[in-house]
């Protein structure tokens, strides 16, 4: 049996082979549980990351109208597509959207302030857009 701590890739291959062969007694249950939970967190972080990038661009669109361009639109479009794909693949994350939005918006404000040079206080303290607006491929705040 390959050690989880010494060769992660080898351990994964070993665990997959044991599962395929039905050798359940050979499984490293404790580490498998940790890795399965980590996969779930990874999907949640990926969804949040897509949302942060989208919100940053919506904030920049709203608060830097003179700099609006096709690049920002395409970034919003791409992030919306990625967001929806992750959500389609992980529908149980829908129950966490409001919490995700709050966290993502806080991060987006920091990133938008960094990218624009505007003060964080320039932006609303909480997300000013509804989920319908955020997910709408034609929505850009004026």
N, C-alpha and C. Protein backbone atom coordinates (compact mmCIF):
# COMPACT_ATOMS: atom_id res chain seq x y z
N UNK A 1 0.86 -1.18 0.00
CA UNK A 1 0.00 0.00 0.00
C UNK A 1 0.90 1.24 0.00
N UNK A 2 0.62 2.16 -0.88
CA UNK A 2 1.41 3.39 -1.00
C UNK A 2 0.94 4.39 0.05
N UNK A 3 1.90 5.09 0.64
CA UNK A 3 1.62 6.04 1.72
C UNK A 3 1.07 7.36 1.19
N UNK A 4 0.00 7.81 1.79
CA UNK A 4 -0.62 9.11 1.48
C UNK A 4 0.38 10.24 1.66
N UNK A 5 1.17 10.18 2.71
CA UNK A 5 2.11 11.25 3.05
C UNK A 5 3.37 11.25 2.19
N UNK A 6 3.72 10.12 1.60
CA UNK A 6 4.98 10.01 0.85
C UNK A 6 4.80 10.16 -0.66
N UNK A 7 3.63 9.76 -1.20
CA UNK A 7 3.42 9.78 -2.65
C UNK A 7 1.93 9.92 -2.92
N UNK A 8 1.45 11.16 -2.91
CA UNK A 8 0.01 11.39 -3.04
C UNK A 8 -0.54 10.80 -4.33
N UNK A 9 0.13 11.06 -5.45
CA UNK A 9 -0.37 10.54 -6.73
C UNK A 9 -0.45 9.01 -6.69
N UNK A 10 0.61 8.39 -6.21
CA UNK A 10 0.61 6.93 -6.11
C UNK A 10 -0.50 6.44 -5.19
N UNK A 11 -0.71 7.16 -4.09
CA UNK A 11 -1.77 6.82 -3.14
C UNK A 11 -3.13 6.88 -3.83
N UNK A 12 -3.37 7.95 -4.61
CA UNK A 12 -4.65 8.10 -5.32
C UNK A 12 -4.86 6.92 -6.28
N UNK A 13 -3.83 6.57 -7.03
CA UNK A 13 -3.94 5.46 -7.96
C UNK A 13 -4.22 4.14 -7.23
N UNK A 14 -3.55 3.97 -6.11
CA UNK A 14 -3.74 2.78 -5.29
C UNK A 14 -5.17 2.70 -4.75
N UNK A 15 -5.68 3.83 -4.27
CA UNK A 15 -7.04 3.87 -3.74
C UNK A 15 -8.07 3.61 -4.83
N UNK A 16 -7.85 4.17 -6.01
CA UNK A 16 -8.77 3.96 -7.14
C UNK A 16 -8.78 2.48 -7.54
N UNK A 17 -7.60 1.87 -7.58
CA UNK A 17 -7.53 0.45 -7.94
C UNK A 17 -8.26 -0.40 -6.90
N UNK A 18 -8.09 -0.07 -5.62
CA UNK A 18 -8.77 -0.83 -4.56
C UNK A 18 -10.29 -0.67 -4.69
N UNK A 19 -10.74 0.54 -4.99
CA UNK A 19 -12.18 0.75 -5.17
C UNK A 19 -12.71 -0.04 -6.36
N UNK A 20 -12.00 0.03 -7.48
CA UNK A 20 -12.45 -0.68 -8.68
C UNK A 20 -12.52 -2.20 -8.45
N UNK A 21 -11.58 -2.70 -7.68
CA UNK A 21 -11.53 -4.14 -7.43
C UNK A 21 -12.44 -4.56 -6.29
N UNK A 22 -13.07 -3.57 -5.62
CA UNK A 22 -13.96 -3.90 -4.51
C UNK A 22 -13.23 -4.31 -3.25
N UNK A 23 -11.96 -3.95 -3.16
CA UNK A 23 -11.16 -4.27 -1.97
C UNK A 23 -11.32 -3.16 -0.93
N UNK A 24 -12.50 -3.08 -0.37
CA UNK A 24 -12.82 -1.99 0.55
C UNK A 24 -11.98 -2.02 1.82
N UNK A 25 -11.55 -3.17 2.22
CA UNK A 25 -10.72 -3.26 3.44
C UNK A 25 -9.33 -2.67 3.21
N UNK A 26 -8.92 -2.48 1.96
CA UNK A 26 -7.61 -1.90 1.64
C UNK A 26 -7.65 -0.37 1.58
N UNK A 27 -8.83 0.20 1.71
CA UNK A 27 -8.96 1.65 1.57
C UNK A 27 -8.45 2.40 2.80
N UNK A 28 -7.86 3.54 2.55
CA UNK A 28 -7.40 4.46 3.60
C UNK A 28 -8.56 5.43 3.85
N UNK A 29 -9.52 4.97 4.61
CA UNK A 29 -10.79 5.69 4.79
C UNK A 29 -10.60 7.11 5.32
N UNK A 30 -9.77 7.28 6.32
CA UNK A 30 -9.58 8.61 6.92
C UNK A 30 -9.10 9.63 5.89
N UNK A 31 -8.10 9.26 5.12
CA UNK A 31 -7.59 10.19 4.11
C UNK A 31 -8.57 10.34 2.94
N UNK A 32 -9.27 9.28 2.59
CA UNK A 32 -10.28 9.38 1.52
C UNK A 32 -11.37 10.38 1.90
N UNK A 33 -11.81 10.33 3.13
CA UNK A 33 -12.83 11.28 3.60
C UNK A 33 -12.31 12.70 3.49
N UNK A 34 -11.08 12.93 3.94
CA UNK A 34 -10.48 14.26 3.85
C UNK A 34 -10.42 14.74 2.40
N UNK A 35 -10.02 13.86 1.50
CA UNK A 35 -9.88 14.25 0.09
C UNK A 35 -11.23 14.50 -0.57
N UNK A 36 -12.23 13.72 -0.24
CA UNK A 36 -13.57 13.94 -0.80
C UNK A 36 -14.12 15.28 -0.33
N UNK A 37 -13.94 15.58 0.96
CA UNK A 37 -14.38 16.88 1.47
C UNK A 37 -13.61 18.02 0.81
N UNK A 38 -12.33 17.83 0.57
CA UNK A 38 -11.51 18.86 -0.08
C UNK A 38 -11.99 19.10 -1.51
N UNK A 39 -12.43 18.04 -2.19
CA UNK A 39 -12.95 18.22 -3.55
C UNK A 39 -14.19 19.10 -3.53
N UNK A 40 -15.04 18.92 -2.55
CA UNK A 40 -16.24 19.75 -2.42
C UNK A 40 -15.89 21.20 -2.17
N UNK A 41 -14.93 21.42 -1.28
CA UNK A 41 -14.48 22.80 -1.00
C UNK A 41 -13.87 23.43 -2.25
N UNK A 42 -13.18 22.64 -3.02
CA UNK A 42 -12.55 23.14 -4.24
C UNK A 42 -13.61 23.63 -5.23
N UNK A 43 -14.68 22.89 -5.37
CA UNK A 43 -15.76 23.31 -6.28
C UNK A 43 -16.41 24.61 -5.79
N UNK A 44 -16.58 24.72 -4.49
CA UNK A 44 -17.15 25.94 -3.91
C UNK A 44 -16.24 27.13 -4.13
N UNK A 45 -14.94 26.92 -3.94
CA UNK A 45 -13.98 28.00 -4.17
C UNK A 45 -13.94 28.40 -5.64
N UNK A 46 -14.05 27.43 -6.53
CA UNK A 46 -14.06 27.73 -7.97
C UNK A 46 -15.27 28.59 -8.32
N UNK A 47 -16.42 28.25 -7.76
CA UNK A 47 -17.63 29.04 -8.01
C UNK A 47 -17.46 30.45 -7.47
N UNK A 48 -16.94 30.57 -6.27
CA UNK A 48 -16.71 31.87 -5.65
C UNK A 48 -15.71 32.69 -6.46
N UNK A 49 -14.68 32.06 -6.94
CA UNK A 49 -13.66 32.75 -7.72
C UNK A 49 -14.24 33.34 -9.00
N UNK A 50 -15.07 32.56 -9.68
CA UNK A 50 -15.72 33.07 -10.90
C UNK A 50 -16.59 34.28 -10.57
N UNK A 51 -17.28 34.19 -9.44
CA UNK A 51 -18.15 35.28 -9.01
C UNK A 51 -17.35 36.53 -8.65
N UNK A 52 -16.22 36.37 -7.99
CA UNK A 52 -15.38 37.52 -7.63
C UNK A 52 -14.95 38.25 -8.89
N UNK A 53 -14.44 37.53 -9.87
CA UNK A 53 -13.96 38.16 -11.11
C UNK A 53 -15.11 38.88 -11.81
N UNK A 54 -16.27 38.26 -11.85
CA UNK A 54 -17.43 38.89 -12.47
C UNK A 54 -17.81 40.18 -11.74
N UNK A 55 -17.89 40.11 -10.42
CA UNK A 55 -18.27 41.29 -9.64
C UNK A 55 -17.24 42.41 -9.77
N UNK A 56 -15.97 42.08 -9.81
CA UNK A 56 -14.93 43.10 -10.01
C UNK A 56 -15.19 43.84 -11.31
N UNK A 57 -15.48 43.11 -12.36
CA UNK A 57 -15.70 43.76 -13.66
C UNK A 57 -17.01 44.55 -13.69
N UNK A 58 -18.02 44.08 -12.98
CA UNK A 58 -19.26 44.86 -12.91
C UNK A 58 -19.02 46.15 -12.12
N UNK A 59 -18.23 46.07 -11.07
CA UNK A 59 -17.90 47.28 -10.29
C UNK A 59 -17.08 48.26 -11.14
N UNK A 60 -16.11 47.73 -11.85
CA UNK A 60 -15.30 48.61 -12.70
C UNK A 60 -16.18 49.24 -13.78
N UNK A 61 -17.10 48.47 -14.33
CA UNK A 61 -18.02 48.98 -15.36
C UNK A 61 -18.84 50.14 -14.80
N UNK A 62 -19.34 49.95 -13.59
CA UNK A 62 -20.19 50.97 -12.96
C UNK A 62 -19.40 52.21 -12.56
N UNK A 63 -18.21 52.01 -11.98
CA UNK A 63 -17.49 53.13 -11.37
C UNK A 63 -16.35 53.70 -12.21
N UNK A 64 -16.11 53.13 -13.36
CA UNK A 64 -15.14 53.69 -14.29
C UNK A 64 -15.71 53.67 -15.71
N UNK A 65 -16.81 54.41 -15.92
CA UNK A 65 -17.48 54.34 -17.22
C UNK A 65 -16.59 54.76 -18.40
N UNK A 66 -15.65 55.64 -18.17
CA UNK A 66 -14.78 56.10 -19.26
C UNK A 66 -13.85 54.99 -19.75
N UNK A 67 -13.67 53.95 -18.96
CA UNK A 67 -12.74 52.88 -19.33
C UNK A 67 -13.45 51.62 -19.83
N UNK A 68 -14.77 51.70 -19.98
CA UNK A 68 -15.53 50.54 -20.44
C UNK A 68 -15.03 50.09 -21.82
N UNK A 69 -15.04 48.80 -21.99
CA UNK A 69 -14.61 48.28 -23.27
C UNK A 69 -15.06 46.86 -23.50
N UNK A 70 -14.78 46.40 -24.68
CA UNK A 70 -15.17 45.05 -25.09
C UNK A 70 -14.52 43.98 -24.20
N UNK A 71 -13.30 44.23 -23.77
CA UNK A 71 -12.58 43.28 -22.93
C UNK A 71 -13.34 43.01 -21.64
N UNK A 72 -13.85 44.07 -21.00
CA UNK A 72 -14.61 43.89 -19.76
C UNK A 72 -15.89 43.11 -20.03
N UNK A 73 -16.56 43.42 -21.14
CA UNK A 73 -17.78 42.69 -21.49
C UNK A 73 -17.49 41.21 -21.69
N UNK A 74 -16.42 40.91 -22.41
CA UNK A 74 -16.09 39.51 -22.67
C UNK A 74 -15.68 38.78 -21.40
N UNK A 75 -15.01 39.48 -20.50
CA UNK A 75 -14.66 38.88 -19.21
C UNK A 75 -15.93 38.55 -18.44
N UNK A 76 -16.88 39.48 -18.40
CA UNK A 76 -18.16 39.22 -17.71
C UNK A 76 -18.87 38.03 -18.35
N UNK A 77 -18.91 38.00 -19.66
CA UNK A 77 -19.58 36.91 -20.37
C UNK A 77 -18.92 35.57 -20.03
N UNK A 78 -17.61 35.52 -20.09
CA UNK A 78 -16.89 34.28 -19.80
C UNK A 78 -17.08 33.83 -18.36
N UNK A 79 -17.05 34.76 -17.42
CA UNK A 79 -17.21 34.41 -16.01
C UNK A 79 -18.63 33.94 -15.74
N UNK A 80 -19.59 34.53 -16.39
CA UNK A 80 -20.99 34.08 -16.23
C UNK A 80 -21.14 32.65 -16.75
N UNK A 81 -20.55 32.37 -17.88
CA UNK A 81 -20.62 31.01 -18.44
C UNK A 81 -19.95 30.02 -17.48
N UNK A 82 -18.75 30.36 -17.02
CA UNK A 82 -18.04 29.47 -16.09
C UNK A 82 -18.81 29.27 -14.80
N UNK A 83 -19.39 30.34 -14.27
CA UNK A 83 -20.18 30.28 -13.05
C UNK A 83 -21.35 29.31 -13.23
N UNK A 84 -22.08 29.47 -14.33
CA UNK A 84 -23.25 28.61 -14.59
C UNK A 84 -22.84 27.16 -14.80
N UNK A 85 -21.72 26.93 -15.45
CA UNK A 85 -21.25 25.55 -15.65
C UNK A 85 -20.94 24.88 -14.32
N UNK A 86 -20.24 25.59 -13.45
CA UNK A 86 -19.90 25.02 -12.14
C UNK A 86 -21.18 24.77 -11.34
N UNK A 87 -22.11 25.71 -11.40
CA UNK A 87 -23.37 25.55 -10.66
C UNK A 87 -24.19 24.39 -11.24
N UNK A 88 -24.21 24.25 -12.56
CA UNK A 88 -24.93 23.13 -13.18
C UNK A 88 -24.33 21.78 -12.76
N UNK A 89 -23.01 21.75 -12.64
CA UNK A 89 -22.34 20.51 -12.24
C UNK A 89 -22.46 20.23 -10.74
N UNK A 90 -22.79 21.26 -9.98
CA UNK A 90 -22.86 21.14 -8.51
C UNK A 90 -24.12 21.84 -7.99
N UNK A 91 -25.31 21.34 -8.34
CA UNK A 91 -26.55 22.04 -7.98
C UNK A 91 -26.76 22.22 -6.49
N UNK A 92 -26.13 21.41 -5.65
CA UNK A 92 -26.31 21.59 -4.20
C UNK A 92 -25.66 22.88 -3.72
N UNK A 93 -24.79 23.49 -4.52
CA UNK A 93 -24.20 24.78 -4.13
C UNK A 93 -25.22 25.92 -4.21
N UNK A 94 -26.34 25.70 -4.87
CA UNK A 94 -27.36 26.75 -4.96
C UNK A 94 -27.83 27.21 -3.59
N UNK A 95 -27.85 26.31 -2.64
CA UNK A 95 -28.30 26.67 -1.29
C UNK A 95 -27.30 27.58 -0.58
N UNK A 96 -26.10 27.71 -1.12
CA UNK A 96 -25.07 28.52 -0.49
C UNK A 96 -24.82 29.84 -1.23
N UNK A 97 -25.63 30.13 -2.22
CA UNK A 97 -25.36 31.30 -3.07
C UNK A 97 -25.35 32.62 -2.31
N UNK A 98 -26.26 32.81 -1.40
CA UNK A 98 -26.30 34.10 -0.68
C UNK A 98 -25.04 34.31 0.16
N UNK A 99 -24.59 33.27 0.83
CA UNK A 99 -23.36 33.36 1.61
C UNK A 99 -22.17 33.58 0.68
N UNK A 100 -22.15 32.86 -0.43
CA UNK A 100 -21.08 33.01 -1.41
C UNK A 100 -21.03 34.43 -1.96
N UNK A 101 -22.19 35.00 -2.24
CA UNK A 101 -22.25 36.35 -2.79
C UNK A 101 -21.68 37.37 -1.80
N UNK A 102 -22.02 37.23 -0.56
CA UNK A 102 -21.51 38.15 0.45
C UNK A 102 -19.99 38.10 0.53
N UNK A 103 -19.44 36.89 0.59
CA UNK A 103 -17.99 36.74 0.64
C UNK A 103 -17.32 37.21 -0.64
N UNK A 104 -17.90 36.84 -1.76
CA UNK A 104 -17.32 37.21 -3.05
C UNK A 104 -17.35 38.72 -3.25
N UNK A 105 -18.42 39.34 -2.82
CA UNK A 105 -18.52 40.79 -2.99
C UNK A 105 -17.47 41.52 -2.16
N UNK A 106 -17.26 41.08 -0.94
CA UNK A 106 -16.23 41.70 -0.09
C UNK A 106 -14.86 41.61 -0.77
N UNK A 107 -14.56 40.45 -1.33
CA UNK A 107 -13.29 40.28 -2.04
C UNK A 107 -13.25 41.13 -3.30
N UNK A 108 -14.37 41.19 -4.01
CA UNK A 108 -14.44 41.96 -5.26
C UNK A 108 -14.19 43.44 -5.02
N UNK A 109 -14.71 43.97 -3.92
CA UNK A 109 -14.48 45.38 -3.59
C UNK A 109 -12.99 45.65 -3.41
N UNK A 110 -12.32 44.78 -2.70
CA UNK A 110 -10.87 44.95 -2.49
C UNK A 110 -10.14 44.89 -3.83
N UNK A 111 -10.49 43.91 -4.65
CA UNK A 111 -9.83 43.77 -5.95
C UNK A 111 -10.15 44.95 -6.87
N UNK A 112 -11.39 45.40 -6.86
CA UNK A 112 -11.78 46.54 -7.70
C UNK A 112 -11.06 47.81 -7.25
N UNK A 113 -10.94 48.00 -5.94
CA UNK A 113 -10.21 49.17 -5.43
C UNK A 113 -8.74 49.11 -5.85
N UNK A 114 -8.17 47.93 -5.78
CA UNK A 114 -6.78 47.75 -6.19
C UNK A 114 -6.60 48.05 -7.68
N UNK A 115 -7.50 47.51 -8.51
CA UNK A 115 -7.37 47.66 -9.96
C UNK A 115 -7.71 49.07 -10.45
N UNK A 116 -8.61 49.74 -9.76
CA UNK A 116 -9.06 51.06 -10.24
C UNK A 116 -8.33 52.22 -9.56
N UNK A 117 -7.78 51.97 -8.39
CA UNK A 117 -7.18 53.05 -7.61
C UNK A 117 -8.20 53.83 -6.82
N UNK A 118 -9.47 53.43 -6.89
CA UNK A 118 -10.53 54.09 -6.13
C UNK A 118 -10.52 53.58 -4.69
N UNK A 119 -11.01 54.39 -3.76
CA UNK A 119 -11.12 53.96 -2.37
C UNK A 119 -12.20 52.89 -2.25
N UNK A 120 -11.99 51.97 -1.32
CA UNK A 120 -12.98 50.93 -1.08
C UNK A 120 -14.35 51.53 -0.74
N UNK A 121 -14.34 52.68 -0.07
CA UNK A 121 -15.59 53.33 0.33
C UNK A 121 -16.40 53.84 -0.86
N UNK A 122 -15.78 53.89 -2.03
CA UNK A 122 -16.48 54.31 -3.25
C UNK A 122 -17.60 53.33 -3.58
N UNK A 123 -17.37 52.07 -3.25
CA UNK A 123 -18.30 51.01 -3.62
C UNK A 123 -19.31 50.75 -2.50
N UNK A 124 -20.51 50.32 -2.85
CA UNK A 124 -21.52 50.03 -1.82
C UNK A 124 -21.02 48.96 -0.84
N UNK A 125 -21.47 49.03 0.41
CA UNK A 125 -21.01 48.07 1.42
C UNK A 125 -21.49 46.64 1.18
N UNK A 126 -22.56 46.48 0.42
CA UNK A 126 -23.02 45.14 0.05
C UNK A 126 -23.40 45.16 -1.43
N UNK A 127 -23.47 43.99 -1.99
CA UNK A 127 -23.71 43.88 -3.43
C UNK A 127 -25.01 44.58 -3.83
N UNK A 128 -24.94 45.51 -4.76
CA UNK A 128 -26.12 46.26 -5.16
C UNK A 128 -26.99 45.56 -6.22
N UNK A 129 -26.56 44.37 -6.65
CA UNK A 129 -27.28 43.70 -7.73
C UNK A 129 -27.93 42.42 -7.25
N UNK A 130 -29.02 42.09 -7.88
CA UNK A 130 -29.74 40.85 -7.57
C UNK A 130 -29.06 39.68 -8.30
N UNK A 131 -29.40 38.48 -7.87
CA UNK A 131 -28.89 37.30 -8.58
C UNK A 131 -29.34 37.31 -10.02
N UNK A 132 -30.54 37.75 -10.28
CA UNK A 132 -31.04 37.80 -11.66
C UNK A 132 -30.15 38.71 -12.50
N UNK A 133 -29.80 39.87 -11.97
CA UNK A 133 -28.93 40.79 -12.71
C UNK A 133 -27.53 40.20 -12.88
N UNK A 134 -26.98 39.67 -11.82
CA UNK A 134 -25.62 39.14 -11.87
C UNK A 134 -25.50 38.05 -12.92
N UNK A 135 -26.50 37.21 -13.03
CA UNK A 135 -26.45 36.07 -13.96
C UNK A 135 -26.95 36.40 -15.37
N UNK A 136 -27.52 37.56 -15.55
CA UNK A 136 -28.06 37.97 -16.84
C UNK A 136 -26.93 38.40 -17.77
N UNK A 137 -26.80 37.70 -18.89
CA UNK A 137 -25.69 37.97 -19.81
C UNK A 137 -25.78 39.34 -20.49
N UNK A 138 -26.92 39.99 -20.38
CA UNK A 138 -27.05 41.32 -20.99
C UNK A 138 -26.97 42.45 -20.00
N UNK A 139 -26.82 42.12 -18.70
CA UNK A 139 -26.80 43.15 -17.67
C UNK A 139 -25.41 43.75 -17.47
N UNK A 140 -25.37 45.07 -17.58
CA UNK A 140 -24.18 45.86 -17.23
C UNK A 140 -24.68 47.11 -16.53
N UNK A 141 -24.23 47.35 -15.29
CA UNK A 141 -24.76 48.47 -14.51
C UNK A 141 -24.36 49.84 -15.09
N UNK A 142 -25.30 50.75 -15.06
CA UNK A 142 -25.01 52.12 -15.53
C UNK A 142 -24.84 53.06 -14.37
